[in-house]
Amino acid sequence: MRQSQMFIPTLKEVPADAESASHQLLLRGGFIRQNAAGVYSYLPLGYKVIKKIEAIVREEMDRAGAQELLMPAMQPAELWHESGRWDVYGPELMRLKDRHGRFFALGATGEELITSLVRDTLNTYKKLPVTLYQIQTKYRDEKRPRFGLLRGREFIMKDAYSFHANAESLDEAYWAIFHAYCRIFDRCGLKYRAVLADSGAMGGKDTHEFQALAEIGEDTIAYSDSSDFAANLEMAEVMDQGKERAEDSLPLEKKAGRVSTDDSDWVKAEWFKARSETVLVFLRAGDEVNDVKVKNVLGTDMIEPLDPEQKPDAFHPEKGVRVLADNGIKGLTRGVLYSEKEDVTYIQIDPERDLNIENFFDLRFIKEGDPSPDGKGTIKFAKGIEIGQVFKLGTKYSETMNALFLDSEGKNQPLIMGCYGIGISRTLSAICEQYHDEDGLIWPKSLAPFAIHLITVNPKNEEQLSLSDKLYHDLQDKGFDVLWDDRKERPGVKFADSELIGCPVQVIVGKKAADHIVEVADRREKERVETGTDRLEQAITELLNGRN
C-alpha cells in the first residue's frame, strides 16, 4: 500500500488523557481514534492487526472442532429474565427499548442467546457435543472506561459455547479450547500465564484466565517461583498456617479502651451481607479478607461489605449471624480483639472457645512469600491483563432456560455447557504493552500491519523513486506485505512515523539508489545494514526469521 494513499493520521504529541503505553501509541501511530468515552474506531492500520488476530483465533478454534456463527448484538430482555440475570448483572448491562416498548440488552455476553438458539435443536444426546463460536462487538457500560482498548464500553470479543451430554465430554472440550488458547497466544507472541480464576457473574465452576504479563495490568497474579502454579489473586489457595494449639488457654479478659499489646495475635472482624444472611468473618489483623472466597464458602453469587454504621458488635453477634474464621487464627489462645462498639479490648481470646465460630476456612488473600499451594516454592506477584477465559458453566443456564435433551435412557436432562472467551481488542492492547519502546510500536511478525516499511528518503529524486517503485512491486510479487512511504515529507517525519507504526523490517532507499544499494533495518534493533537489491529478499527473510 502506498502511504500517500492510506489513512494513517499519526500524532506528534501524546494525548493528555492517554494513560497507558498501548493507548498512547495506538493513538499516536494512527491505529485508533476515540469517538466517545470507551468507544473507538479502528483505523486501517489497527483494523489490519485486528483481522490478523481474528484469523489466528479462527484457525485455532476451527482446529479444536468449533463452528463459527454470528448472533445479533440486540438481545431480547425476556431471555435475560429467563436466566435471572436481567436484575443481577448490574449497571454494566446496556439496556434499551424499541418503539413498541419492548426491552433489549446490547450483548455483554451471549449465554442466554446461544442457549435459546440450541434448546429446541440439540434435543438428543445423539446430536452432542457441539461447540459454536462467534467474533462480535460486545457492550458493557463501564463506570470508568480507561487505558484505551483495555477497558472500554464497546469491544471486540470471541465468545464460544459448548454443549454436552456428560461431564467427561465437557472436560474434553474444556481442555481442547484451553490448549487452543495457548496456541493462539503463542502465535500472537504474547508472554502470558494461564491462571486459576473465579467465574464471577458468569456462574459455573472450574475456570482459567489467560493473563498477559504487563505492569499496566489491573489483575494481580500469584505464581510460584519454583513451579508452574499460577492463580488469580482471588483464587490462590492459602495453605493452612494456623498455629499449633497451645495446651493452656487463659481466662478471657476485657480492658477498657484500646490496649497496646503484641501485634502478632491481633484479630479483626469483617462483616458482609449476602442475599439472605449476615456473615461475620474473623481473621488476623494483618491479613485481608478475600470476599470471593467468602462468597464461595457461602455458596452465594453475591456478597457486599456492611456499611460501617450497620456493623454490630463483633464479640456479641445477633442470633442468626453466620460466624466464619480464617485458618490463620485457628489454634490461637492469646488472641486480642478491639471492640469499637464497646470501646474495650478483649485479650487472651481462644477463638474456638470465645468467638462462636461455625468453622474455619481459607478466607484471606495470599501474600508474597507465602508457601505455594502446590508445595513447591514460594509465592510471588505479577500484574496481568486478562485476555481470555475458559469456564465450565455446567447446567446454570440450561436449567433456568429449559434447554433439555433426551439421554441414552430416554430421560430429559439439562444440557451441560462450557463457555470460552477471548478479548480480541484487549489482545491488541496487550500486545502493544509488551511490544514497544520509547519511539513507538514493535509488532511481532505474525500481527504486524505490514511486514516491510519501504521508505523513499527523497521521492523527488528520480533514481530513488524509480528503484522504490520496482522494489515495491517485486516484494509484493514475492508475497511480502509492504507499506511504501512515498510521501513528499521530510526524512525526519518519515522515520519518526515508521518508528511509531512499528513494522518489523524497514527498507530505506536513499543516496545509493543509483548503485542499487539500500539500507535494511530491524525495527527492534534499529541497526541499519547496507545491501544490494539483488540480496534484499535474503536480507529481509533473515531478519523476519529471527523475529517472533
Protein backbone atom coordinates (compact mmCIF):
# COMPACT_ATOMS: atom_id res chain seq x y z
CA MET A 1 0.00 0.00 0.00
CA ARG A 2 1.23 3.49 -0.83
CA GLN A 3 1.38 5.53 2.36
CA SER A 4 0.40 8.65 0.42
CA GLN A 5 -2.97 6.97 -0.25
CA MET A 6 -3.51 5.36 3.14
CA PHE A 7 -5.37 6.91 6.06
CA ILE A 8 -2.71 6.95 8.81
CA PRO A 9 -3.23 10.11 10.90
CA THR A 10 -0.16 9.98 13.18
CA LEU A 11 0.21 12.36 16.10
CA LYS A 12 3.35 14.10 17.32
CA GLU A 13 2.14 14.69 20.87
CA VAL A 14 0.89 12.22 23.46
CA PRO A 15 -2.85 12.77 24.04
CA ALA A 16 -3.42 14.17 27.52
CA ASP A 17 -5.96 11.53 28.58
CA ALA A 18 -3.96 8.53 27.35
CA GLU A 19 -2.52 6.81 30.45
CA SER A 20 -1.14 3.50 29.20
CA ALA A 21 1.60 2.93 26.63
CA SER A 22 -0.75 0.96 24.38
CA HIS A 23 -3.36 3.73 24.44
CA GLN A 24 -0.77 6.41 23.66
CA LEU A 25 0.94 4.53 20.86
CA LEU A 26 -2.21 3.25 19.18
CA LEU A 27 -3.48 6.84 19.05
CA ARG A 28 -0.16 8.38 18.01
CA GLY A 29 0.50 5.68 15.41
CA GLY A 30 -2.86 6.24 13.69
CA PHE A 31 -4.30 2.83 14.63
CA ILE A 32 -7.41 4.00 16.52
CA ARG A 33 -9.40 7.15 17.28
CA GLN A 34 -11.74 7.80 20.19
CA ASN A 35 -15.37 8.65 19.39
CA ALA A 36 -16.69 8.75 22.97
CA ALA A 37 -15.53 7.58 26.38
CA GLY A 38 -14.64 3.92 25.97
CA VAL A 39 -15.72 3.85 22.30
CA TYR A 40 -13.15 3.70 19.50
CA SER A 41 -12.88 3.45 15.73
CA TYR A 42 -10.29 1.07 14.31
CA LEU A 43 -8.48 2.89 11.54
CA PRO A 44 -6.99 0.94 8.59
CA LEU A 45 -3.72 0.05 10.36
CA GLY A 46 -5.48 -1.01 13.54
CA TYR A 47 -8.11 -2.99 11.70
CA LYS A 48 -5.43 -4.88 9.76
CA VAL A 49 -3.95 -6.06 13.08
CA ILE A 50 -7.41 -6.92 14.42
CA LYS A 51 -8.11 -9.06 11.35
CA LYS A 52 -4.81 -10.89 11.80
CA ILE A 53 -5.65 -11.68 15.43
CA GLU A 54 -9.10 -12.84 14.34
CA ALA A 55 -7.57 -15.07 11.64
CA ILE A 56 -5.37 -16.82 14.20
CA VAL A 57 -8.35 -17.24 16.53
CA ARG A 58 -10.50 -18.70 13.74
CA GLU A 59 -7.81 -21.14 12.65
CA GLU A 60 -7.27 -22.50 16.15
CA MET A 61 -10.97 -22.60 17.07
CA ASP A 62 -11.75 -24.46 13.86
CA ARG A 63 -8.85 -26.81 14.58
CA ALA A 64 -10.39 -27.50 18.01
CA GLY A 65 -13.66 -28.53 16.33
CA ALA A 66 -15.70 -25.36 16.90
CA GLN A 67 -18.10 -23.91 14.31
CA GLU A 68 -18.47 -20.19 13.65
CA LEU A 69 -21.79 -18.36 13.63
CA LEU A 70 -22.91 -14.78 14.18
CA MET A 71 -25.65 -13.75 16.59
CA PRO A 72 -27.32 -10.33 16.92
CA ALA A 73 -25.98 -7.76 19.35
CA MET A 74 -29.55 -6.81 20.34
CA GLN A 75 -30.80 -9.49 22.71
CA PRO A 76 -34.45 -9.71 23.85
CA ALA A 77 -34.80 -8.85 27.54
CA GLU A 78 -37.04 -11.85 28.15
CA LEU A 79 -34.06 -14.15 27.63
CA TRP A 80 -32.19 -12.37 30.40
CA HIS A 81 -35.28 -12.61 32.59
CA GLU A 82 -35.37 -16.36 31.94
CA SER A 83 -31.79 -16.76 33.17
CA GLY A 84 -32.40 -14.41 36.09
CA ARG A 85 -29.59 -12.07 35.09
CA TRP A 86 -31.61 -9.04 33.95
CA ASP A 87 -31.79 -7.73 37.52
CA VAL A 88 -28.49 -9.08 38.88
CA TYR A 89 -25.96 -8.48 36.07
CA GLY A 90 -25.51 -4.89 37.17
CA PRO A 91 -25.38 -1.42 35.61
CA GLU A 92 -22.77 -2.60 33.07
CA LEU A 93 -25.58 -4.22 31.07
CA MET A 94 -26.72 -1.70 28.44
CA ARG A 95 -30.50 -1.78 28.24
CA LEU A 96 -32.69 -0.17 25.58
CA LYS A 97 -36.32 -0.08 24.48
CA ASP A 98 -37.70 -0.09 20.95
CA ARG A 99 -40.63 1.99 19.63
CA HIS A 100 -43.06 -0.73 20.70
CA GLY A 101 -41.89 -0.62 24.30
CA ARG A 102 -40.05 -3.93 24.10
CA PHE A 103 -36.82 -4.09 26.12
CA PHE A 104 -33.50 -5.37 24.79
CA ALA A 105 -29.96 -5.72 26.08
CA LEU A 106 -26.94 -4.84 23.99
CA GLY A 107 -24.97 -8.07 24.24
CA ALA A 108 -22.38 -8.01 27.00
CA THR A 109 -22.07 -11.78 26.64
CA GLY A 110 -24.03 -14.48 24.85
CA GLU A 111 -25.06 -17.30 27.20
CA GLU A 112 -28.76 -16.50 27.09
CA LEU A 113 -28.93 -16.03 23.34
CA ILE A 114 -26.95 -19.13 22.41
CA THR A 115 -28.97 -21.25 24.85
CA SER A 116 -32.20 -20.04 23.26
CA LEU A 117 -30.84 -20.95 19.81
CA VAL A 118 -29.95 -24.55 20.61
CA ARG A 119 -32.56 -25.58 23.16
CA ASP A 120 -35.09 -26.79 20.61
CA THR A 121 -32.47 -28.36 18.32
CA LEU A 122 -29.85 -30.11 20.46
CA ASN A 123 -32.60 -32.22 21.98
CA THR A 124 -30.93 -35.64 21.98
CA TYR A 125 -27.57 -36.99 23.11
CA LYS A 126 -27.03 -38.17 19.52
CA LYS A 127 -26.50 -34.53 18.43
CA LEU A 128 -23.92 -33.80 21.13
CA PRO A 129 -21.30 -32.49 21.67
CA VAL A 130 -21.40 -29.21 19.73
CA THR A 131 -19.19 -26.11 20.07
CA LEU A 132 -20.25 -22.81 18.49
CA TYR A 133 -18.36 -19.51 18.44
CA GLN A 134 -18.59 -16.00 17.09
CA ILE A 135 -16.43 -12.89 16.81
CA GLN A 136 -18.60 -9.89 17.56
CA THR A 137 -18.74 -6.45 19.15
CA LYS A 138 -19.82 -6.54 22.80
CA TYR A 139 -21.13 -3.73 25.00
CA ARG A 140 -20.64 -3.03 28.70
CA ASP A 141 -21.39 0.30 30.33
CA GLU A 142 -18.15 0.59 32.27
CA LYS A 143 -18.34 3.12 35.07
CA ARG A 144 -14.85 4.37 34.30
CA PRO A 145 -13.51 3.43 30.88
CA ARG A 146 -9.72 3.68 30.90
CA PHE A 147 -6.49 2.59 29.26
CA GLY A 148 -7.95 2.83 25.76
CA LEU A 149 -8.99 -0.58 24.47
CA LEU A 150 -8.17 -2.33 27.75
CA ARG A 151 -11.35 -1.19 29.47
CA GLY A 152 -13.90 0.12 27.02
CA ARG A 153 -17.67 0.23 26.66
CA GLU A 154 -17.59 -1.31 23.20
CA PHE A 155 -15.09 -4.04 22.35
CA ILE A 156 -14.46 -6.96 20.02
CA MET A 157 -14.72 -10.41 21.56
CA LYS A 158 -14.60 -14.04 20.51
CA ASP A 159 -17.15 -15.97 22.57
CA ALA A 160 -17.70 -19.72 22.26
CA TYR A 161 -20.16 -22.14 23.88
CA SER A 162 -20.06 -25.92 24.04
CA PHE A 163 -22.95 -28.30 24.77
CA HIS A 164 -22.57 -31.79 26.21
CA ALA A 165 -24.40 -34.84 27.47
CA ASN A 166 -21.98 -35.57 30.32
CA ALA A 167 -19.18 -34.09 32.40
CA GLU A 168 -16.50 -36.14 30.66
CA SER A 169 -17.42 -34.61 27.30
CA LEU A 170 -17.34 -31.10 28.80
CA ASP A 171 -13.93 -31.79 30.32
CA GLU A 172 -12.60 -32.89 26.93
CA ALA A 173 -13.88 -29.74 25.21
CA TYR A 174 -12.64 -27.51 28.05
CA TRP A 175 -9.06 -28.70 27.69
CA ALA A 176 -9.24 -28.69 23.89
CA ILE A 177 -10.16 -24.99 23.97
CA PHE A 178 -7.63 -24.34 26.75
CA HIS A 179 -4.84 -25.68 24.55
CA ALA A 180 -6.25 -23.81 21.52
CA TYR A 181 -5.93 -20.62 23.56
CA CYS A 182 -2.32 -21.47 24.38
CA ARG A 183 -1.62 -21.85 20.66
CA ILE A 184 -3.43 -18.58 19.87
CA PHE A 185 -1.47 -16.53 22.37
CA ASP A 186 1.79 -18.26 21.45
CA ARG A 187 1.19 -17.34 17.80
CA CYS A 188 0.45 -13.75 18.85
CA GLY A 189 3.87 -13.65 20.53
CA LEU A 190 2.46 -12.87 23.97
CA LYS A 191 4.08 -13.50 27.32
CA TYR A 192 1.17 -14.86 29.36
CA ARG A 193 0.14 -17.20 32.15
CA ALA A 194 -2.95 -19.40 32.42
CA VAL A 195 -4.21 -18.92 35.98
CA LEU A 196 -6.92 -20.37 38.19
CA ALA A 197 -9.76 -17.87 38.38
CA ASP A 198 -13.22 -17.08 39.72
CA SER A 199 -16.24 -17.38 37.43
CA GLY A 200 -17.86 -14.19 38.77
CA ALA A 201 -21.20 -13.18 37.25
CA MET A 202 -20.83 -15.89 34.58
CA GLY A 203 -21.62 -18.63 37.08
CA GLY A 204 -20.41 -22.19 36.87
CA LYS A 205 -17.14 -23.57 38.20
CA ASP A 206 -13.67 -24.65 37.06
CA THR A 207 -12.25 -21.72 35.17
CA HIS A 208 -8.89 -20.41 33.99
CA GLU A 209 -7.96 -16.90 32.96
CA PHE A 210 -5.25 -16.15 30.43
CA GLN A 211 -3.27 -13.17 31.67
CA ALA A 212 -0.81 -11.22 29.51
CA LEU A 213 2.01 -10.03 31.74
CA ALA A 214 2.16 -6.23 31.87
CA GLU A 215 2.77 -3.64 34.57
CA ILE A 216 -0.35 -1.74 33.49
CA GLY A 217 -2.46 -4.84 34.20
CA GLU A 218 -5.38 -4.43 36.58
CA ASP A 219 -5.22 -8.04 37.80
CA THR A 220 -2.67 -9.46 40.22
CA ILE A 221 -1.33 -12.94 39.51
CA ALA A 222 0.05 -15.09 42.31
CA TYR A 223 2.62 -17.55 40.99
CA SER A 224 5.22 -19.92 42.36
CA ASP A 225 8.90 -19.12 41.94
CA SER A 226 9.64 -22.85 41.62
CA SER A 227 6.78 -24.39 39.61
CA ASP A 228 4.08 -23.72 37.02
CA PHE A 229 1.47 -22.82 39.65
CA ALA A 230 -0.37 -19.57 38.88
CA ALA A 231 -3.70 -18.22 40.05
CA ASN A 232 -5.72 -15.06 40.06
CA LEU A 233 -5.18 -13.35 43.43
CA GLU A 234 -8.80 -14.01 44.42
CA MET A 235 -8.44 -17.75 43.82
CA ALA A 236 -4.97 -18.51 45.16
CA GLU A 237 -5.35 -21.01 47.98
CA VAL A 238 -3.55 -20.25 51.24
CA MET A 239 -2.06 -23.28 52.90
CA ASP A 240 -3.26 -23.72 56.49
CA GLN A 241 -0.90 -21.56 58.55
CA GLY A 242 -2.74 -21.63 61.87
CA LYS A 243 -0.59 -22.04 64.93
CA GLU A 244 -0.35 -25.32 66.73
CA ARG A 245 -2.74 -25.05 69.63
CA ALA A 246 -1.11 -24.33 72.99
CA GLU A 247 -2.06 -26.70 75.78
CA ASP A 248 -3.33 -23.97 78.05
CA SER A 249 -5.98 -21.32 77.47
CA LEU A 250 -6.04 -18.42 79.88
CA PRO A 251 -9.28 -16.84 81.07
CA LEU A 252 -10.72 -14.21 78.73
CA GLU A 253 -10.11 -10.65 79.92
CA LYS A 254 -11.70 -7.36 78.95
CA LYS A 255 -9.94 -4.00 79.35
CA ALA A 256 -11.27 -0.51 78.74
CA GLY A 257 -10.12 1.30 75.60
CA ARG A 258 -7.64 0.07 73.02
CA VAL A 259 -4.85 -1.70 74.85
CA SER A 260 -1.37 -1.79 73.39
CA THR A 261 -0.09 -5.35 73.09
CA ASP A 262 1.85 -7.70 70.81
CA ASP A 263 0.51 -7.14 67.27
CA SER A 264 1.13 -10.71 66.13
CA ASP A 265 -2.04 -12.10 67.70
CA TRP A 266 -4.41 -9.25 66.96
CA VAL A 267 -7.69 -10.45 65.47
CA LYS A 268 -10.11 -8.34 63.42
CA ALA A 269 -13.73 -8.79 62.35
CA GLU A 270 -15.20 -8.16 58.89
CA TRP A 271 -18.94 -8.02 58.23
CA PHE A 272 -20.72 -8.95 54.99
CA LYS A 273 -24.28 -9.03 53.73
CA ALA A 274 -25.18 -11.97 51.50
CA ARG A 275 -28.51 -12.38 49.71
CA SER A 276 -30.29 -13.92 52.69
CA GLU A 277 -27.91 -13.69 55.64
CA THR A 278 -25.39 -11.60 57.52
CA VAL A 279 -21.89 -13.01 57.84
CA LEU A 280 -19.12 -12.24 60.31
CA VAL A 281 -15.55 -13.23 59.42
CA PHE A 282 -12.65 -13.29 61.89
CA LEU A 283 -9.04 -13.22 60.70
CA ARG A 284 -5.63 -11.94 61.68
CA ALA A 285 -5.36 -8.17 61.79
CA GLY A 286 -2.51 -8.15 59.26
CA ASP A 287 -4.44 -10.20 56.70
CA GLU A 288 -7.02 -9.07 54.13
CA VAL A 289 -10.31 -10.92 53.83
CA ASN A 290 -10.96 -12.36 50.37
CA ASP A 291 -14.63 -11.72 49.57
CA VAL A 292 -14.56 -14.20 46.66
CA LYS A 293 -13.53 -17.00 48.99
CA VAL A 294 -16.23 -15.96 51.46
CA LYS A 295 -18.79 -15.97 48.65
CA ASN A 296 -17.72 -19.43 47.54
CA VAL A 297 -17.89 -20.84 51.08
CA LEU A 298 -21.41 -19.46 51.42
CA GLY A 299 -22.44 -20.81 48.02
CA THR A 300 -23.92 -17.48 47.00
CA ASP A 301 -23.44 -15.30 43.93
CA MET A 302 -23.31 -12.00 45.77
CA ILE A 303 -21.90 -10.56 48.98
CA GLU A 304 -21.07 -6.99 49.91
CA PRO A 305 -19.44 -5.36 52.95
CA LEU A 306 -21.76 -3.88 55.54
CA ASP A 307 -21.67 -0.11 55.88
CA PRO A 308 -19.63 0.94 58.94
CA GLU A 309 -22.70 2.31 60.71
CA GLN A 310 -24.51 -1.00 60.22
CA LYS A 311 -21.80 -3.17 61.76
CA PRO A 312 -22.96 -4.85 65.00
CA ASP A 313 -20.73 -5.76 67.93
CA ALA A 314 -18.39 -8.49 66.70
CA PHE A 315 -17.98 -10.10 70.10
CA HIS A 316 -21.71 -10.49 70.62
CA PRO A 317 -23.24 -11.20 67.18
CA GLU A 318 -27.01 -11.42 66.95
CA LYS A 319 -28.75 -14.73 66.61
CA GLY A 320 -28.79 -15.95 63.01
CA VAL A 321 -25.48 -14.33 62.04
CA ARG A 322 -23.11 -16.83 60.45
CA VAL A 323 -19.66 -16.66 62.05
CA LEU A 324 -16.71 -17.90 59.99
CA ALA A 325 -12.99 -17.67 60.61
CA ASP A 326 -9.83 -17.82 58.54
CA ASN A 327 -7.47 -20.73 59.13
CA GLY A 328 -4.82 -18.25 60.22
CA ILE A 329 -6.39 -17.80 63.67
CA LYS A 330 -7.01 -21.48 64.24
CA GLY A 331 -5.04 -22.63 67.29
CA LEU A 332 -4.64 -19.16 68.85
CA THR A 333 -5.02 -18.98 72.61
CA ARG A 334 -3.68 -15.44 73.12
CA GLY A 335 -5.84 -13.54 70.63
CA VAL A 336 -6.55 -9.83 71.02
CA LEU A 337 -9.65 -8.09 69.62
CA TYR A 338 -10.70 -4.46 69.97
CA SER A 339 -14.46 -3.85 70.02
CA GLU A 340 -15.19 -0.41 68.64
CA LYS A 341 -18.83 -0.63 69.70
CA GLU A 342 -17.88 -1.21 73.34
CA ASP A 343 -14.53 0.63 73.24
CA VAL A 344 -12.91 -2.30 75.02
CA THR A 345 -10.11 -4.73 74.20
CA TYR A 346 -10.59 -8.45 74.70
CA ILE A 347 -7.34 -10.29 75.41
CA GLN A 348 -6.36 -13.94 75.79
CA ILE A 349 -9.01 -14.87 73.24
CA ASP A 350 -9.29 -18.53 72.34
CA PRO A 351 -11.23 -18.27 69.04
CA GLU A 352 -12.61 -21.79 69.26
CA ARG A 353 -13.85 -21.09 72.78
CA ASP A 354 -14.86 -17.43 72.66
CA LEU A 355 -15.97 -16.38 69.17
CA ASN A 356 -18.93 -18.70 68.37
CA ILE A 357 -17.18 -19.78 65.15
CA GLU A 358 -19.11 -22.10 62.87
CA ASN A 359 -15.97 -23.36 61.11
CA PHE A 360 -12.51 -22.39 59.87
CA PHE A 361 -11.79 -21.87 56.15
CA ASP A 362 -9.22 -20.32 53.84
CA LEU A 363 -10.73 -16.83 53.70
CA ARG A 364 -7.81 -14.47 53.15
CA PHE A 365 -5.77 -13.20 50.22
CA ILE A 366 -2.47 -14.93 49.69
CA LYS A 367 0.66 -12.83 50.25
CA GLU A 368 4.04 -12.68 48.57
CA GLY A 369 6.35 -15.02 50.41
CA ASP A 370 3.59 -17.46 51.41
CA PRO A 371 4.21 -21.12 50.53
CA SER A 372 2.92 -22.06 47.07
CA PRO A 373 -0.32 -24.08 47.28
CA ASP A 374 1.27 -26.87 45.26
CA GLY A 375 4.00 -27.23 47.88
CA LYS A 376 6.74 -26.05 45.51
CA GLY A 377 8.47 -22.77 46.24
CA THR A 378 7.02 -19.51 47.48
CA ILE A 379 4.50 -17.05 46.06
CA LYS A 380 5.43 -14.01 44.02
CA PHE A 381 3.11 -11.43 42.41
CA ALA A 382 2.90 -10.11 38.86
CA LYS A 383 0.47 -7.80 37.08
CA GLY A 384 -1.59 -9.11 34.20
CA ILE A 385 -4.13 -8.09 31.57
CA GLU A 386 -6.96 -10.60 31.20
CA ILE A 387 -7.13 -11.55 27.52
CA GLY A 388 -9.12 -14.79 27.69
CA GLN A 389 -11.05 -17.09 30.00
CA VAL A 390 -12.50 -20.59 29.84
CA PHE A 391 -15.43 -21.73 32.02
CA LYS A 392 -17.24 -24.91 32.87
CA LEU A 393 -20.75 -23.50 33.19
CA GLY A 394 -22.45 -26.80 33.92
CA THR A 395 -26.26 -26.53 33.85
CA LYS A 396 -26.66 -22.98 35.21
CA TYR A 397 -28.30 -21.67 32.04
CA SER A 398 -29.81 -24.82 30.59
CA GLU A 399 -31.79 -25.49 33.79
CA THR A 400 -33.18 -21.97 34.13
CA MET A 401 -33.93 -21.72 30.40
CA ASN A 402 -35.29 -25.26 29.98
CA ALA A 403 -32.67 -26.39 27.45
CA LEU A 404 -33.11 -30.16 27.72
CA PHE A 405 -32.03 -33.23 25.77
CA LEU A 406 -33.02 -36.89 25.83
CA ASP A 407 -30.22 -39.04 27.22
CA SER A 408 -29.48 -42.63 26.14
CA GLU A 409 -32.17 -43.89 28.52
CA GLY A 410 -34.84 -41.59 27.12
CA LYS A 411 -34.82 -39.22 30.10
CA ASN A 412 -34.81 -35.43 29.90
CA GLN A 413 -31.57 -33.86 31.13
CA PRO A 414 -30.31 -30.25 31.08
CA LEU A 415 -27.56 -29.57 28.57
CA ILE A 416 -24.12 -29.32 30.17
CA MET A 417 -22.37 -26.17 28.96
CA GLY A 418 -18.93 -24.64 28.62
CA CYS A 419 -18.09 -21.02 27.78
CA TYR A 420 -14.87 -19.65 26.30
CA GLY A 421 -13.98 -16.01 25.63
CA ILE A 422 -11.09 -14.04 24.12
CA GLY A 423 -10.94 -10.26 24.13
CA ILE A 424 -9.76 -9.52 20.61
CA SER A 425 -9.32 -5.78 21.13
CA ARG A 426 -7.81 -6.33 24.60
CA THR A 427 -5.33 -8.72 23.00
CA LEU A 428 -4.36 -5.94 20.58
CA SER A 429 -3.63 -3.62 23.50
CA ALA A 430 -1.82 -6.32 25.48
CA ILE A 431 0.50 -6.91 22.52
CA CYS A 432 1.24 -3.19 22.35
CA GLU A 433 2.04 -3.14 26.08
CA GLN A 434 4.64 -5.86 25.56
CA TYR A 435 6.00 -4.76 22.18
CA HIS A 436 7.09 -1.13 22.19
CA ASP A 437 9.93 1.20 23.01
CA GLU A 438 10.18 4.95 23.58
CA ASP A 439 9.78 5.63 19.85
CA GLY A 440 6.76 3.52 19.03
CA LEU A 441 5.39 0.04 18.46
CA ILE A 442 7.42 -3.07 17.56
CA TRP A 443 4.98 -5.58 16.12
CA PRO A 444 5.64 -9.32 16.17
CA LYS A 445 5.79 -10.51 12.58
CA SER A 446 2.59 -12.59 12.91
CA LEU A 447 0.49 -9.48 13.61
CA ALA A 448 2.30 -6.55 12.02
CA PRO A 449 0.03 -4.46 9.77
CA PHE A 450 2.80 -4.71 7.16
CA ALA A 451 5.92 -6.86 7.23
CA ILE A 452 8.03 -4.23 5.46
CA HIS A 453 8.08 -0.45 5.61
CA LEU A 454 9.68 0.75 2.38
CA ILE A 455 10.87 4.33 2.84
CA THR A 456 11.85 6.59 -0.05
CA VAL A 457 14.04 9.25 1.55
CA ASN A 458 13.58 11.76 -1.27
CA PRO A 459 10.74 10.93 -3.70
CA LYS A 460 11.70 13.99 -5.79
CA ASN A 461 14.86 12.12 -6.76
CA GLU A 462 14.04 10.10 -9.87
CA GLU A 463 16.52 7.30 -9.13
CA GLN A 464 15.18 6.82 -5.58
CA LEU A 465 11.59 6.91 -6.78
CA SER A 466 12.20 4.51 -9.67
CA LEU A 467 14.08 1.97 -7.53
CA SER A 468 11.44 2.20 -4.78
CA ASP A 469 8.67 1.56 -7.27
CA LYS A 470 10.46 -1.50 -8.61
CA LEU A 471 11.17 -2.88 -5.12
CA TYR A 472 7.59 -2.21 -4.05
CA HIS A 473 6.18 -4.37 -6.83
CA ASP A 474 8.90 -7.02 -6.67
CA LEU A 475 8.49 -7.55 -2.92
CA GLN A 476 4.72 -7.77 -3.24
CA ASP A 477 5.09 -10.31 -6.04
CA LYS A 478 7.25 -12.40 -3.71
CA GLY A 479 4.50 -12.44 -1.09
CA PHE A 480 5.62 -9.67 1.25
CA ASP A 481 3.10 -7.20 2.67
CA VAL A 482 4.63 -3.77 2.00
CA LEU A 483 3.80 -0.25 3.13
CA TRP A 484 5.60 2.21 0.83
CA ASP A 485 6.23 5.66 2.25
CA ASP A 486 6.16 7.60 -1.00
CA ARG A 487 5.01 10.82 0.68
CA LYS A 488 6.61 14.16 -0.06
CA GLU A 489 7.64 14.63 3.56
CA ARG A 490 10.93 15.42 5.28
CA PRO A 491 13.04 12.31 6.07
CA GLY A 492 12.77 13.01 9.80
CA VAL A 493 8.97 12.86 9.62
CA LYS A 494 9.09 9.62 7.67
CA PHE A 495 11.47 7.90 10.08
CA ALA A 496 9.53 9.09 13.13
CA ASP A 497 6.28 7.77 11.63
CA SER A 498 7.97 4.49 10.74
CA GLU A 499 9.12 4.03 14.33
CA LEU A 500 5.59 4.78 15.57
CA ILE A 501 3.95 2.30 13.18
CA GLY A 502 6.46 -0.41 14.05
CA CYS A 503 6.66 -2.70 11.01
CA PRO A 504 9.26 -5.43 11.65
CA VAL A 505 11.59 -4.52 8.75
CA GLN A 506 12.49 -1.15 7.29
CA VAL A 507 13.92 -0.86 3.77
CA ILE A 508 15.38 2.59 3.14
CA VAL A 509 16.02 3.83 -0.39
CA GLY A 510 18.42 6.77 -0.22
CA LYS A 511 21.52 8.26 -1.75
CA LYS A 512 22.92 4.99 -3.13
CA ALA A 513 19.81 4.18 -5.16
CA ALA A 514 21.73 4.68 -8.39
CA ASP A 515 24.05 1.84 -7.32
CA HIS A 516 21.06 -0.36 -6.33
CA ILE A 517 22.16 -0.28 -2.72
CA VAL A 518 19.60 0.18 0.07
CA GLU A 519 19.61 0.03 3.85
CA VAL A 520 17.77 -2.65 5.78
CA ALA A 521 16.92 -2.35 9.46
CA ASP A 522 15.21 -4.48 12.07
CA ARG A 523 12.72 -2.19 13.83
CA ARG A 524 13.56 -3.81 17.15
CA GLU A 525 17.35 -3.49 16.89
CA LYS A 526 17.38 -0.32 14.74
CA GLU A 527 20.78 -1.14 13.26
CA ARG A 528 20.90 -0.31 9.54
CA VAL A 529 22.85 -2.51 7.17
CA GLU A 530 23.58 -1.75 3.55
CA THR A 531 22.74 -4.42 1.00
CA GLY A 532 22.48 -4.69 -2.74
CA THR A 533 18.98 -5.10 -4.11
CA ASP A 534 19.99 -8.49 -5.50
CA ARG A 535 20.37 -9.69 -1.88
CA LEU A 536 17.42 -7.77 -0.45
CA GLU A 537 14.97 -10.66 -0.32
CA GLN A 538 17.51 -12.80 1.52
CA ALA A 539 18.30 -10.00 3.99
CA ILE A 540 14.60 -9.43 4.72
CA THR A 541 13.94 -13.15 5.13
CA GLU A 542 16.83 -13.48 7.58
CA LEU A 543 15.53 -10.60 9.66
CA LEU A 544 11.97 -11.94 9.70
CA ASN A 545 13.13 -15.47 10.54
CA GLY A 546 14.98 -14.05 13.52
CA ARG A 547 11.77 -12.49 14.84
CA ASN A 548 8.90 -13.99 16.83
